[in-house]
């Protein structure tokens, strides 16, 4: 009988589950002042009565002009997870090696498992030495979730050069990059940039995502996508991004200020790790137990066991009054747990 791929359980993420929840959700890293009205308008005004252009030519042209690249260097997707699964299928044979700096994003790990490839997890300090012939893909979060670690521009250049020498591809996941000051990403054939702007614009349900890469890479990613793989509404959101920047200019400074205030309040409760992102981790001991107790109080946080940090919870800033409720609930839970 034909040997079939294994059935791999779905990866646990932050955010909604199958169970009803009406409390405050600090487990999702998204703009608390969302959604961006311009993108909501684009979503509503999209023509849902017709199939989209199967080549999505106008969307690619608009994003390409915005980023200063050519349309064949733009791949569209419904969520970065879709792109990661296609990248793995296209570039990670069973004999290949995937390096993920820090614990990998769950969907990347799942894609590798489905492809029967083991993921190696070097540290930021050792990854350069591990990029050798035989490595197919190197993945970094820029910044990483949940630590917030981000490589410098010089370090990114060194990683891209090492990948080029080893005939590997460097995946730079910029899901949370809009929350931080802009940094230059190397424009070489060895780099794939993943952009999922729904988080910064507060429109994660529409799942807008795209990649910027060499034309031959984009062609392979497109080859693995079914026809009309991006719905009309999501395509309209992607096309509207270049004109939607004003919302970020208005809201993200407030998000940064409120995240700093939240981190300061959390530091009174335990060690905090934050590197400028709206999300941060707090050391609480048994993170799963603390998260479960908070959930009973109507507060959802993300325990970081799946990231290899079982003693930490991750929270993403919300509005000031909501952040105050989190601090109050955490104080009560930690006192009840540890006395």
C-alpha atoms as a PDB file:
ATOM      1  CA  UNK A   1       0.000   0.000   0.000  1.00  0.00           C
ATOM      2  CA  UNK A   2       1.203   3.507  -0.814  1.00  0.00           C
ATOM      3  CA  UNK A   3       2.858   5.144   2.176  1.00  0.00           C
ATOM      4  CA  UNK A   4       0.941   8.319   2.958  1.00  0.00           C
ATOM      5  CA  UNK A   5       2.174  11.403   4.801  1.00  0.00           C
ATOM      6  CA  UNK A   6       1.470  11.355   8.546  1.00  0.00           C
ATOM      7  CA  UNK A   7      -1.504  13.137  10.068  1.00  0.00           C
ATOM      8  CA  UNK A   8      -0.046  16.041  12.016  1.00  0.00           C
ATOM      9  CA  UNK A   9      -2.134  17.812  14.681  1.00  0.00           C
ATOM     10  CA  UNK A  10      -2.957  21.442  14.093  1.00  0.00           C
ATOM     11  CA  UNK A  11      -0.651  23.948  15.735  1.00  0.00           C
ATOM     12  CA  UNK A  12      -1.983  25.903  18.699  1.00  0.00           C
ATOM     13  CA  UNK A  13      -1.939  29.652  18.149  1.00  0.00           C
ATOM     14  CA  UNK A  14      -3.053  32.656  20.132  1.00  0.00           C
ATOM     15  CA  UNK A  15      -6.476  34.166  19.554  1.00  0.00           C
ATOM     16  CA  UNK A  16      -9.918  32.602  19.206  1.00  0.00           C
ATOM     17  CA  UNK A  17     -10.590  28.921  19.763  1.00  0.00           C
ATOM     18  CA  UNK A  18     -13.665  26.760  19.221  1.00  0.00           C
ATOM     19  CA  UNK A  19     -14.849  27.678  22.710  1.00  0.00           C
ATOM     20  CA  UNK A  20     -16.828  30.886  23.163  1.00  0.00           C
ATOM     21  CA  UNK A  21     -14.869  33.743  24.746  1.00  0.00           C
ATOM     22  CA  UNK A  22     -16.102  37.233  25.546  1.00  0.00           C
ATOM     23  CA  UNK A  23     -13.298  38.577  27.740  1.00  0.00           C
ATOM     24  CA  UNK A  24     -10.117  40.516  26.985  1.00  0.00           C
ATOM     25  CA  UNK A  25      -7.732  38.795  24.577  1.00  0.00           C
ATOM     26  CA  UNK A  26      -4.063  39.676  25.117  1.00  0.00           C
ATOM     27  CA  UNK A  27      -2.877  36.603  23.218  1.00  0.00           C
ATOM     28  CA  UNK A  28      -3.097  38.128  19.726  1.00  0.00           C
ATOM     29  CA  UNK A  29      -0.383  40.500  18.525  1.00  0.00           C
ATOM     30  CA  UNK A  30      -2.457  43.044  16.645  1.00  0.00           C
ATOM     31  CA  UNK A  31      -3.076  46.789  16.633  1.00  0.00           C
ATOM     32  CA  UNK A  32      -5.573  47.564  19.448  1.00  0.00           C
ATOM     33  CA  UNK A  33      -6.843  50.621  17.540  1.00  0.00           C
ATOM     34  CA  UNK A  34      -7.942  48.510  14.598  1.00  0.00           C
ATOM     35  CA  UNK A  35      -9.215  47.971  12.037  1.00  0.00           C
ATOM     36  CA  UNK A  36      -7.839  50.372   9.456  1.00  0.00           C
ATOM     37  CA  UNK A  37     -10.952  52.062   7.968  1.00  0.00           C
ATOM     38  CA  UNK A  38      -9.348  52.368   4.527  1.00  0.00           C
ATOM     39  CA  UNK A  39      -8.758  48.630   4.317  1.00  0.00           C
ATOM     40  CA  UNK A  40     -12.230  47.823   5.644  1.00  0.00           C
ATOM     41  CA  UNK A  41     -13.635  50.015   2.891  1.00  0.00           C
ATOM     42  CA  UNK A  42     -11.547  48.218   0.263  1.00  0.00           C
ATOM     43  CA  UNK A  43     -12.748  44.870   1.601  1.00  0.00           C
ATOM     44  CA  UNK A  44     -16.407  45.912   1.468  1.00  0.00           C
ATOM     45  CA  UNK A  45     -16.179  47.482  -1.979  1.00  0.00           C
ATOM     46  CA  UNK A  46     -14.472  44.490  -3.599  1.00  0.00           C
ATOM     47  CA  UNK A  47     -16.446  42.756  -6.331  1.00  0.00           C
ATOM     48  CA  UNK A  48     -17.416  39.417  -4.798  1.00  0.00           C
ATOM     49  CA  UNK A  49     -19.709  38.504  -7.688  1.00  0.00           C
ATOM     50  CA  UNK A  50     -16.867  37.727 -10.098  1.00  0.00           C
ATOM     51  CA  UNK A  51     -13.781  35.556 -10.005  1.00  0.00           C
ATOM     52  CA  UNK A  52     -10.610  37.595  -9.454  1.00  0.00           C
ATOM     53  CA  UNK A  53      -8.026  37.940 -12.201  1.00  0.00           C
ATOM     54  CA  UNK A  54      -6.209  34.579 -11.857  1.00  0.00           C
ATOM     55  CA  UNK A  55      -2.854  36.335 -12.290  1.00  0.00           C
ATOM     56  CA  UNK A  56      -3.747  39.190  -9.877  1.00  0.00           C
ATOM     57  CA  UNK A  57      -1.849  41.473 -12.226  1.00  0.00           C
ATOM     58  CA  UNK A  58      -3.113  44.807 -10.886  1.00  0.00           C
ATOM     59  CA  UNK A  59      -2.431  43.826  -7.257  1.00  0.00           C
ATOM     60  CA  UNK A  60       1.099  42.675  -8.059  1.00  0.00           C
ATOM     61  CA  UNK A  61       1.804  45.843 -10.024  1.00  0.00           C
ATOM     62  CA  UNK A  62       0.635  48.072  -7.191  1.00  0.00           C
ATOM     63  CA  UNK A  63       2.656  46.259  -4.509  1.00  0.00           C
ATOM     64  CA  UNK A  64       5.692  46.047  -6.798  1.00  0.00           C
ATOM     65  CA  UNK A  65       5.661  49.797  -7.480  1.00  0.00           C
ATOM     66  CA  UNK A  66       5.310  50.465  -3.739  1.00  0.00           C
ATOM     67  CA  UNK A  67       8.328  48.330  -2.871  1.00  0.00           C
ATOM     68  CA  UNK A  68      10.437  49.291  -5.877  1.00  0.00           C
ATOM     69  CA  UNK A  69      10.520  45.804  -7.399  1.00  0.00           C
ATOM     70  CA  UNK A  70       9.042  44.200 -10.520  1.00  0.00           C
ATOM     71  CA  UNK A  71       5.622  42.451 -10.534  1.00  0.00           C
ATOM     72  CA  UNK A  72       7.230  39.000 -11.090  1.00  0.00           C
ATOM     73  CA  UNK A  73       8.928  39.488  -7.692  1.00  0.00           C
ATOM     74  CA  UNK A  74       5.596  39.564  -5.797  1.00  0.00           C
ATOM     75  CA  UNK A  75       3.762  36.418  -4.620  1.00  0.00           C
ATOM     76  CA  UNK A  76       0.306  36.792  -3.069  1.00  0.00           C
ATOM     77  CA  UNK A  77      -1.209  34.609  -0.365  1.00  0.00           C
ATOM     78  CA  UNK A  78      -3.918  34.189   2.233  1.00  0.00           C
ATOM     79  CA  UNK A  79      -1.789  34.432   5.358  1.00  0.00           C
ATOM     80  CA  UNK A  80       1.951  33.958   5.774  1.00  0.00           C
ATOM     81  CA  UNK A  81       1.258  30.346   6.798  1.00  0.00           C
ATOM     82  CA  UNK A  82       0.190  29.622   3.212  1.00  0.00           C
ATOM     83  CA  UNK A  83       3.487  30.985   1.923  1.00  0.00           C
ATOM     84  CA  UNK A  84       5.535  29.038   4.464  1.00  0.00           C
ATOM     85  CA  UNK A  85       3.863  25.772   3.507  1.00  0.00           C
ATOM     86  CA  UNK A  86       4.512  26.472  -0.176  1.00  0.00           C
ATOM     87  CA  UNK A  87       8.132  27.470   0.447  1.00  0.00           C
ATOM     88  CA  UNK A  88       8.761  24.228   2.310  1.00  0.00           C
ATOM     89  CA  UNK A  89       7.134  22.160  -0.440  1.00  0.00           C
ATOM     90  CA  UNK A  90       9.143  23.956  -3.112  1.00  0.00           C
ATOM     91  CA  UNK A  91      12.554  24.116  -1.468  1.00  0.00           C
ATOM     92  CA  UNK A  92      12.848  21.572   1.333  1.00  0.00           C
ATOM     93  CA  UNK A  93      13.402  18.010   0.102  1.00  0.00           C
ATOM     94  CA  UNK A  94      13.503  15.156   2.647  1.00  0.00           C
ATOM     95  CA  UNK A  95      17.290  15.349   2.535  1.00  0.00           C
ATOM     96  CA  UNK A  96      17.285  19.087   3.155  1.00  0.00           C
ATOM     97  CA  UNK A  97      17.875  20.952   6.394  1.00  0.00           C
ATOM     98  CA  UNK A  98      15.761  23.778   7.811  1.00  0.00           C
ATOM     99  CA  UNK A  99      17.350  26.146  10.313  1.00  0.00           C
ATOM    100  CA  UNK A 100      15.035  28.291  12.427  1.00  0.00           C
ATOM    101  CA  UNK A 101      16.650  30.875  14.665  1.00  0.00           C
ATOM    102  CA  UNK A 102      14.838  30.498  18.005  1.00  0.00           C
ATOM    103  CA  UNK A 103      11.920  28.082  18.206  1.00  0.00           C
ATOM    104  CA  UNK A 104      10.170  28.084  14.814  1.00  0.00           C
ATOM    105  CA  UNK A 105       6.788  29.572  14.080  1.00  0.00           C
ATOM    106  CA  UNK A 106       4.361  26.695  14.561  1.00  0.00           C
ATOM    107  CA  UNK A 107       3.128  26.580  10.961  1.00  0.00           C
ATOM    108  CA  UNK A 108       6.687  26.403   9.665  1.00  0.00           C
ATOM    109  CA  UNK A 109       7.446  23.509  11.999  1.00  0.00           C
ATOM    110  CA  UNK A 110       4.252  21.777  10.909  1.00  0.00           C
ATOM    111  CA  UNK A 111       5.079  22.261   7.226  1.00  0.00           C
ATOM    112  CA  UNK A 112       8.519  20.747   7.795  1.00  0.00           C
ATOM    113  CA  UNK A 113       7.019  17.792   9.676  1.00  0.00           C
ATOM    114  CA  UNK A 114       4.551  17.180   6.854  1.00  0.00           C
ATOM    115  CA  UNK A 115       7.562  17.144   4.524  1.00  0.00           C
ATOM    116  CA  UNK A 116       9.314  14.730   6.914  1.00  0.00           C
ATOM    117  CA  UNK A 117      12.154  17.126   7.607  1.00  0.00           C
ATOM    118  CA  UNK A 118      13.576  17.893  11.027  1.00  0.00           C
ATOM    119  CA  UNK A 119      14.000  21.511  12.083  1.00  0.00           C
ATOM    120  CA  UNK A 120      17.260  22.575  13.683  1.00  0.00           C
ATOM    121  CA  UNK A 121      17.146  25.524  16.086  1.00  0.00           C
ATOM    122  CA  UNK A 122      20.416  27.472  16.264  1.00  0.00           C
ATOM    123  CA  UNK A 123      20.796  30.599  18.367  1.00  0.00           C
ATOM    124  CA  UNK A 124      21.371  34.032  16.824  1.00  0.00           C
ATOM    125  CA  UNK A 125      25.017  33.675  17.832  1.00  0.00           C
ATOM    126  CA  UNK A 126      25.577  30.269  16.180  1.00  0.00           C
ATOM    127  CA  UNK A 127      23.384  30.371  13.072  1.00  0.00           C
ATOM    128  CA  UNK A 128      26.082  31.718  10.739  1.00  0.00           C
ATOM    129  CA  UNK A 129      28.338  28.759  11.507  1.00  0.00           C
ATOM    130  CA  UNK A 130      25.501  26.332  10.810  1.00  0.00           C
ATOM    131  CA  UNK A 131      24.684  27.643   7.326  1.00  0.00           C
ATOM    132  CA  UNK A 132      26.602  25.037   5.369  1.00  0.00           C
ATOM    133  CA  UNK A 133      26.024  23.112   2.127  1.00  0.00           C
ATOM    134  CA  UNK A 134      23.037  20.833   2.697  1.00  0.00           C
ATOM    135  CA  UNK A 135      21.004  23.560   4.420  1.00  0.00           C
ATOM    136  CA  UNK A 136      18.021  24.431   2.218  1.00  0.00           C
ATOM    137  CA  UNK A 137      16.161  27.078   4.226  1.00  0.00           C
ATOM    138  CA  UNK A 138      16.992  29.472   7.055  1.00  0.00           C
ATOM    139  CA  UNK A 139      14.087  31.163   8.849  1.00  0.00           C
ATOM    140  CA  UNK A 140      14.206  34.247  11.050  1.00  0.00           C
ATOM    141  CA  UNK A 141      11.453  36.344  12.585  1.00  0.00           C
ATOM    142  CA  UNK A 142      12.279  40.001  12.056  1.00  0.00           C
ATOM    143  CA  UNK A 143      11.390  40.638  14.841  1.00  0.00           C
ATOM    144  CA  UNK A 144      11.001  37.210  16.385  1.00  0.00           C
ATOM    145  CA  UNK A 145       7.838  36.160  18.169  1.00  0.00           C
ATOM    146  CA  UNK A 146       7.705  36.001  21.188  1.00  0.00           C
ATOM    147  CA  UNK A 147      11.147  37.307  22.172  1.00  0.00           C
ATOM    148  CA  UNK A 148      11.173  40.431  19.989  1.00  0.00           C
ATOM    149  CA  UNK A 149      14.786  39.755  18.935  1.00  0.00           C
ATOM    150  CA  UNK A 150      15.787  41.431  15.678  1.00  0.00           C
ATOM    151  CA  UNK A 151      19.014  41.160  13.691  1.00  0.00           C
ATOM    152  CA  UNK A 152      20.939  44.297  12.745  1.00  0.00           C
ATOM    153  CA  UNK A 153      21.232  45.275   9.097  1.00  0.00           C
ATOM    154  CA  UNK A 154      24.843  44.084   9.079  1.00  0.00           C
ATOM    155  CA  UNK A 155      23.848  40.740  10.556  1.00  0.00           C
ATOM    156  CA  UNK A 156      21.115  40.357   7.921  1.00  0.00           C
ATOM    157  CA  UNK A 157      23.653  41.030   5.180  1.00  0.00           C
ATOM    158  CA  UNK A 158      25.944  38.351   6.636  1.00  0.00           C
ATOM    159  CA  UNK A 159      23.075  35.844   6.836  1.00  0.00           C
ATOM    160  CA  UNK A 160      22.047  36.536   3.239  1.00  0.00           C
ATOM    161  CA  UNK A 161      25.629  36.140   2.027  1.00  0.00           C
ATOM    162  CA  UNK A 162      26.051  32.870   3.925  1.00  0.00           C
ATOM    163  CA  UNK A 163      22.806  31.520   2.455  1.00  0.00           C
ATOM    164  CA  UNK A 164      23.911  32.505  -1.041  1.00  0.00           C
ATOM    165  CA  UNK A 165      27.224  30.675  -0.574  1.00  0.00           C
ATOM    166  CA  UNK A 166      25.446  27.556   0.731  1.00  0.00           C
ATOM    167  CA  UNK A 167      22.783  27.652  -2.035  1.00  0.00           C
ATOM    168  CA  UNK A 168      20.109  28.180   0.627  1.00  0.00           C
ATOM    169  CA  UNK A 169      17.235  30.622   0.950  1.00  0.00           C
ATOM    170  CA  UNK A 170      16.842  33.052   3.848  1.00  0.00           C
ATOM    171  CA  UNK A 171      13.209  33.587   4.913  1.00  0.00           C
ATOM    172  CA  UNK A 172      12.749  36.935   6.667  1.00  0.00           C
ATOM    173  CA  UNK A 173       9.337  36.989   8.352  1.00  0.00           C
ATOM    174  CA  UNK A 174       8.320  40.639   8.795  1.00  0.00           C
ATOM    175  CA  UNK A 175       4.912  40.048  10.367  1.00  0.00           C
ATOM    176  CA  UNK A 176       5.673  42.492  13.204  1.00  0.00           C
ATOM    177  CA  UNK A 177       8.192  44.744  11.454  1.00  0.00           C
ATOM    178  CA  UNK A 178       5.699  47.637  11.021  1.00  0.00           C
ATOM    179  CA  UNK A 179       5.616  48.080  14.811  1.00  0.00           C
ATOM    180  CA  UNK A 180       9.349  48.907  14.865  1.00  0.00           C
ATOM    181  CA  UNK A 181      11.550  51.473  13.085  1.00  0.00           C
ATOM    182  CA  UNK A 182      12.195  50.448   9.483  1.00  0.00           C
ATOM    183  CA  UNK A 183      15.325  48.487   8.677  1.00  0.00           C
ATOM    184  CA  UNK A 184      16.926  47.607   5.354  1.00  0.00           C
ATOM    185  CA  UNK A 185      16.476  44.032   4.121  1.00  0.00           C
ATOM    186  CA  UNK A 186      19.058  42.670   1.655  1.00  0.00           C
ATOM    187  CA  UNK A 187      17.770  42.505  -1.907  1.00  0.00           C
ATOM    188  CA  UNK A 188      19.466  39.371  -3.144  1.00  0.00           C
ATOM    189  CA  UNK A 189      18.280  36.205  -4.857  1.00  0.00           C
ATOM    190  CA  UNK A 190      18.789  34.299  -1.605  1.00  0.00           C
ATOM    191  CA  UNK A 191      16.203  36.295   0.404  1.00  0.00           C
ATOM    192  CA  UNK A 192      12.438  35.766   0.664  1.00  0.00           C
ATOM    193  CA  UNK A 193      10.609  38.531   2.517  1.00  0.00           C
ATOM    194  CA  UNK A 194       7.281  37.528   4.096  1.00  0.00           C
ATOM    195  CA  UNK A 195       4.863  40.363   4.827  1.00  0.00           C
ATOM    196  CA  UNK A 196       1.539  39.903   6.614  1.00  0.00           C
ATOM    197  CA  UNK A 197       0.282  43.458   7.220  1.00  0.00           C
ATOM    198  CA  UNK A 198      -3.025  42.431   8.790  1.00  0.00           C
ATOM    199  CA  UNK A 199      -1.480  42.584  12.271  1.00  0.00           C
ATOM    200  CA  UNK A 200      -0.375  46.208  12.112  1.00  0.00           C
ATOM    201  CA  UNK A 201      -3.582  47.271  10.344  1.00  0.00           C
ATOM    202  CA  UNK A 202      -5.797  45.229  12.675  1.00  0.00           C
ATOM    203  CA  UNK A 203      -7.381  43.187   9.892  1.00  0.00           C
ATOM    204  CA  UNK A 204      -6.059  39.698  10.586  1.00  0.00           C
ATOM    205  CA  UNK A 205      -9.364  38.062   9.633  1.00  0.00           C
ATOM    206  CA  UNK A 206      -8.871  39.056   5.988  1.00  0.00           C
ATOM    207  CA  UNK A 207      -5.478  37.239   6.046  1.00  0.00           C
ATOM    208  CA  UNK A 208      -3.600  39.572   3.645  1.00  0.00           C
ATOM    209  CA  UNK A 209      -0.053  38.398   2.948  1.00  0.00           C
ATOM    210  CA  UNK A 210       2.564  38.476   0.244  1.00  0.00           C
ATOM    211  CA  UNK A 211       6.194  37.670  -0.392  1.00  0.00           C
ATOM    212  CA  UNK A 212       8.944  39.592  -2.150  1.00  0.00           C
ATOM    213  CA  UNK A 213      11.518  37.331  -3.765  1.00  0.00           C
ATOM    214  CA  UNK A 214      13.445  36.632  -6.945  1.00  0.00           C
ATOM    215  CA  UNK A 215      11.217  35.957  -9.975  1.00  0.00           C
ATOM    216  CA  UNK A 216      12.236  32.295 -10.138  1.00  0.00           C
ATOM    217  CA  UNK A 217      11.262  31.846  -6.480  1.00  0.00           C
ATOM    218  CA  UNK A 218       7.910  33.569  -6.968  1.00  0.00           C
ATOM    219  CA  UNK A 219       7.242  31.398 -10.028  1.00  0.00           C
ATOM    220  CA  UNK A 220       7.732  28.254  -7.941  1.00  0.00           C
ATOM    221  CA  UNK A 221       5.486  29.558  -5.167  1.00  0.00           C
ATOM    222  CA  UNK A 222       2.790  30.482  -7.686  1.00  0.00           C
ATOM    223  CA  UNK A 223       3.089  27.033  -9.230  1.00  0.00           C
ATOM    224  CA  UNK A 224       2.011  25.476  -5.910  1.00  0.00           C
ATOM    225  CA  UNK A 225      -1.043  27.694  -5.488  1.00  0.00           C
ATOM    226  CA  UNK A 226      -4.492  26.696  -6.788  1.00  0.00           C
ATOM    227  CA  UNK A 227      -6.399  28.955  -9.155  1.00  0.00           C
ATOM    228  CA  UNK A 228      -7.944  32.070  -7.551  1.00  0.00           C
ATOM    229  CA  UNK A 229      -6.166  31.273  -4.295  1.00  0.00           C
ATOM    230  CA  UNK A 230      -6.661  34.824  -2.977  1.00  0.00           C
ATOM    231  CA  UNK A 231     -10.322  35.899  -2.560  1.00  0.00           C
ATOM    232  CA  UNK A 232     -11.443  39.173  -4.102  1.00  0.00           C
ATOM    233  CA  UNK A 233     -11.730  40.908  -0.724  1.00  0.00           C
ATOM    234  CA  UNK A 234      -8.234  39.977   0.395  1.00  0.00           C
ATOM    235  CA  UNK A 235      -6.819  40.969  -2.999  1.00  0.00           C
ATOM    236  CA  UNK A 236      -8.522  44.353  -2.645  1.00  0.00           C
ATOM    237  CA  UNK A 237      -6.985  44.823   0.800  1.00  0.00           C
ATOM    238  CA  UNK A 238      -3.523  44.055  -0.591  1.00  0.00           C
ATOM    239  CA  UNK A 239      -4.019  46.513  -3.443  1.00  0.00           C
ATOM    240  CA  UNK A 240      -5.087  49.238  -0.990  1.00  0.00           C
ATOM    241  CA  UNK A 241      -2.044  48.925   1.275  1.00  0.00           C
ATOM    242  CA  UNK A 242       0.112  51.640  -0.357  1.00  0.00           C
ATOM    243  CA  UNK A 243      -2.549  54.275   0.368  1.00  0.00           C
ATOM    244  CA  UNK A 244      -3.372  52.997   3.881  1.00  0.00           C
ATOM    245  CA  UNK A 245      -0.198  54.099   5.659  1.00  0.00           C
ATOM    246  CA  UNK A 246      -1.832  57.058   7.421  1.00  0.00           C
ATOM    247  CA  UNK A 247      -3.577  54.754   9.883  1.00  0.00           C
ATOM    248  CA  UNK A 248      -0.213  53.317  10.979  1.00  0.00           C
ATOM    249  CA  UNK A 249       1.336  56.764  11.321  1.00  0.00           C
ATOM    250  CA  UNK A 250      -1.525  57.775  13.597  1.00  0.00           C
ATOM    251  CA  UNK A 251      -1.917  54.671  15.769  1.00  0.00           C
ATOM    252  CA  UNK A 252       1.473  52.965  16.081  1.00  0.00           C
ATOM    253  CA  UNK A 253       3.122  55.734  18.156  1.00  0.00           C
ATOM    254  CA  UNK A 254       0.292  55.304  20.686  1.00  0.00           C
ATOM    255  CA  UNK A 255       0.743  51.539  20.637  1.00  0.00           C
ATOM    256  CA  UNK A 256       4.470  51.923  21.351  1.00  0.00           C
ATOM    257  CA  UNK A 257       3.830  54.323  24.238  1.00  0.00           C
ATOM    258  CA  UNK A 258       1.214  52.069  25.796  1.00  0.00           C
ATOM    259  CA  UNK A 259       3.394  48.979  25.339  1.00  0.00           C
ATOM    260  CA  UNK A 260       6.202  50.714  27.230  1.00  0.00           C
ATOM    261  CA  UNK A 261       3.801  51.538  30.069  1.00  0.00           C
ATOM    262  CA  UNK A 262       2.514  47.952  30.147  1.00  0.00           C
ATOM    263  CA  UNK A 263       6.052  46.556  30.246  1.00  0.00           C
ATOM    264  CA  UNK A 264       6.909  48.875  33.162  1.00  0.00           C
ATOM    265  CA  UNK A 265       3.860  47.666  35.111  1.00  0.00           C
ATOM    266  CA  UNK A 266       4.648  44.017  34.372  1.00  0.00           C
ATOM    267  CA  UNK A 267       8.235  44.414  35.600  1.00  0.00           C
ATOM    268  CA  UNK A 268       6.817  44.941  39.082  1.00  0.00           C
ATOM    269  CA  UNK A 269       5.459  41.385  38.869  1.00  0.00           C
ATOM    270  CA  UNK A 270       8.437  39.543  37.379  1.00  0.00           C
ATOM    271  CA  UNK A 271      11.173  39.507  34.715  1.00  0.00           C
ATOM    272  CA  UNK A 272       9.990  40.944  31.384  1.00  0.00           C
ATOM    273  CA  UNK A 273      11.569  40.515  27.967  1.00  0.00           C
ATOM    274  CA  UNK A 274      10.648  43.140  25.393  1.00  0.00           C
ATOM    275  CA  UNK A 275      12.576  44.661  22.504  1.00  0.00           C
ATOM    276  CA  UNK A 276      10.316  47.435  21.251  1.00  0.00           C
ATOM    277  CA  UNK A 277       7.468  45.257  20.020  1.00  0.00           C
ATOM    278  CA  UNK A 278       3.850  45.608  21.225  1.00  0.00           C
ATOM    279  CA  UNK A 279       4.145  42.103  22.673  1.00  0.00           C
ATOM    280  CA  UNK A 280       6.379  40.982  25.525  1.00  0.00           C
ATOM    281  CA  UNK A 281       6.904  37.972  27.766  1.00  0.00           C
ATOM    282  CA  UNK A 282       6.622  37.772  31.545  1.00  0.00           C
ATOM    283  CA  UNK A 283       8.229  35.048  33.642  1.00  0.00           C
ATOM    284  CA  UNK A 284       5.524  33.583  35.882  1.00  0.00           C
ATOM    285  CA  UNK A 285       6.808  30.093  36.741  1.00  0.00           C
ATOM    286  CA  UNK A 286       4.156  27.656  35.557  1.00  0.00           C
ATOM    287  CA  UNK A 287       2.840  29.570  32.543  1.00  0.00           C
ATOM    288  CA  UNK A 288       0.134  27.045  31.658  1.00  0.00           C
ATOM    289  CA  UNK A 289      -1.342  27.203  35.164  1.00  0.00           C
ATOM    290  CA  UNK A 290      -1.251  31.000  35.279  1.00  0.00           C
ATOM    291  CA  UNK A 291      -2.836  31.253  31.805  1.00  0.00           C
ATOM    292  CA  UNK A 292      -5.618  28.867  32.855  1.00  0.00           C
ATOM    293  CA  UNK A 293      -6.401  30.907  35.971  1.00  0.00           C
ATOM    294  CA  UNK A 294      -6.433  34.156  33.992  1.00  0.00           C
ATOM    295  CA  UNK A 295      -8.822  32.610  31.489  1.00  0.00           C
ATOM    296  CA  UNK A 296     -11.299  31.944  34.292  1.00  0.00           C
ATOM    297  CA  UNK A 297     -11.137  35.681  35.049  1.00  0.00           C
ATOM    298  CA  UNK A 298     -11.927  36.566  31.435  1.00  0.00           C
ATOM    299  CA  UNK A 299      -8.331  37.333  30.446  1.00  0.00           C
ATOM    300  CA  UNK A 300      -6.623  35.380  27.672  1.00  0.00           C
ATOM    301  CA  UNK A 301      -2.818  35.328  27.400  1.00  0.00           C
ATOM    302  CA  UNK A 302      -0.451  33.078  25.475  1.00  0.00           C
ATOM    303  CA  UNK A 303       1.588  30.575  27.408  1.00  0.00           C
ATOM    304  CA  UNK A 304       4.928  30.131  25.662  1.00  0.00           C
ATOM    305  CA  UNK A 305       5.493  26.397  26.154  1.00  0.00           C
ATOM    306  CA  UNK A 306       5.290  25.789  22.399  1.00  0.00           C
ATOM    307  CA  UNK A 307       8.135  28.276  21.967  1.00  0.00           C
ATOM    308  CA  UNK A 308      10.304  26.371  24.442  1.00  0.00           C
ATOM    309  CA  UNK A 309       9.556  28.867  27.231  1.00  0.00           C
ATOM    310  CA  UNK A 310       7.156  27.045  29.600  1.00  0.00           C
ATOM    311  CA  UNK A 311       7.811  29.506  32.415  1.00  0.00           C
ATOM    312  CA  UNK A 312       6.689  32.570  30.410  1.00  0.00           C
ATOM    313  CA  UNK A 313       3.443  34.064  29.166  1.00  0.00           C
ATOM    314  CA  UNK A 314       3.220  36.433  26.224  1.00  0.00           C
ATOM    315  CA  UNK A 315       0.919  39.435  26.235  1.00  0.00           C
ATOM    316  CA  UNK A 316       0.295  42.047  23.570  1.00  0.00           C
ATOM    317  CA  UNK A 317      -0.673  45.538  24.583  1.00  0.00           C
ATOM    318  CA  UNK A 318      -4.261  46.698  24.365  1.00  0.00           C
ATOM    319  CA  UNK A 319      -5.703  50.079  25.355  1.00  0.00           C
ATOM    320  CA  UNK A 320      -4.696  51.603  28.724  1.00  0.00           C
ATOM    321  CA  UNK A 321      -7.832  50.703  30.712  1.00  0.00           C
ATOM    322  CA  UNK A 322      -7.682  47.137  29.401  1.00  0.00           C
ATOM    323  CA  UNK A 323      -3.986  46.868  30.241  1.00  0.00           C
ATOM    324  CA  UNK A 324      -4.827  47.959  33.775  1.00  0.00           C
ATOM    325  CA  UNK A 325      -7.324  45.107  34.061  1.00  0.00           C
ATOM    326  CA  UNK A 326      -4.627  42.657  32.966  1.00  0.00           C
ATOM    327  CA  UNK A 327      -2.247  43.905  35.660  1.00  0.00           C
ATOM    328  CA  UNK A 328      -4.948  43.651  38.320  1.00  0.00           C
ATOM    329  CA  UNK A 329      -5.855  40.102  37.280  1.00  0.00           C
ATOM    330  CA  UNK A 330      -2.209  39.020  37.098  1.00  0.00           C
ATOM    331  CA  UNK A 331      -1.504  40.322  40.588  1.00  0.00           C
ATOM    332  CA  UNK A 332      -4.424  38.305  41.946  1.00  0.00           C
ATOM    333  CA  UNK A 333      -3.449  35.138  40.082  1.00  0.00           C
ATOM    334  CA  UNK A 334       0.240  35.296  41.000  1.00  0.00           C
ATOM    335  CA  UNK A 335      -0.615  35.928  44.667  1.00  0.00           C
ATOM    336  CA  UNK A 336      -3.053  33.010  44.640  1.00  0.00           C
ATOM    337  CA  UNK A 337      -0.509  30.752  42.911  1.00  0.00           C
ATOM    338  CA  UNK A 338       2.645  31.597  44.793  1.00  0.00           C
ATOM    339  CA  UNK A 339       1.430  33.431  47.901  1.00  0.00           C
END
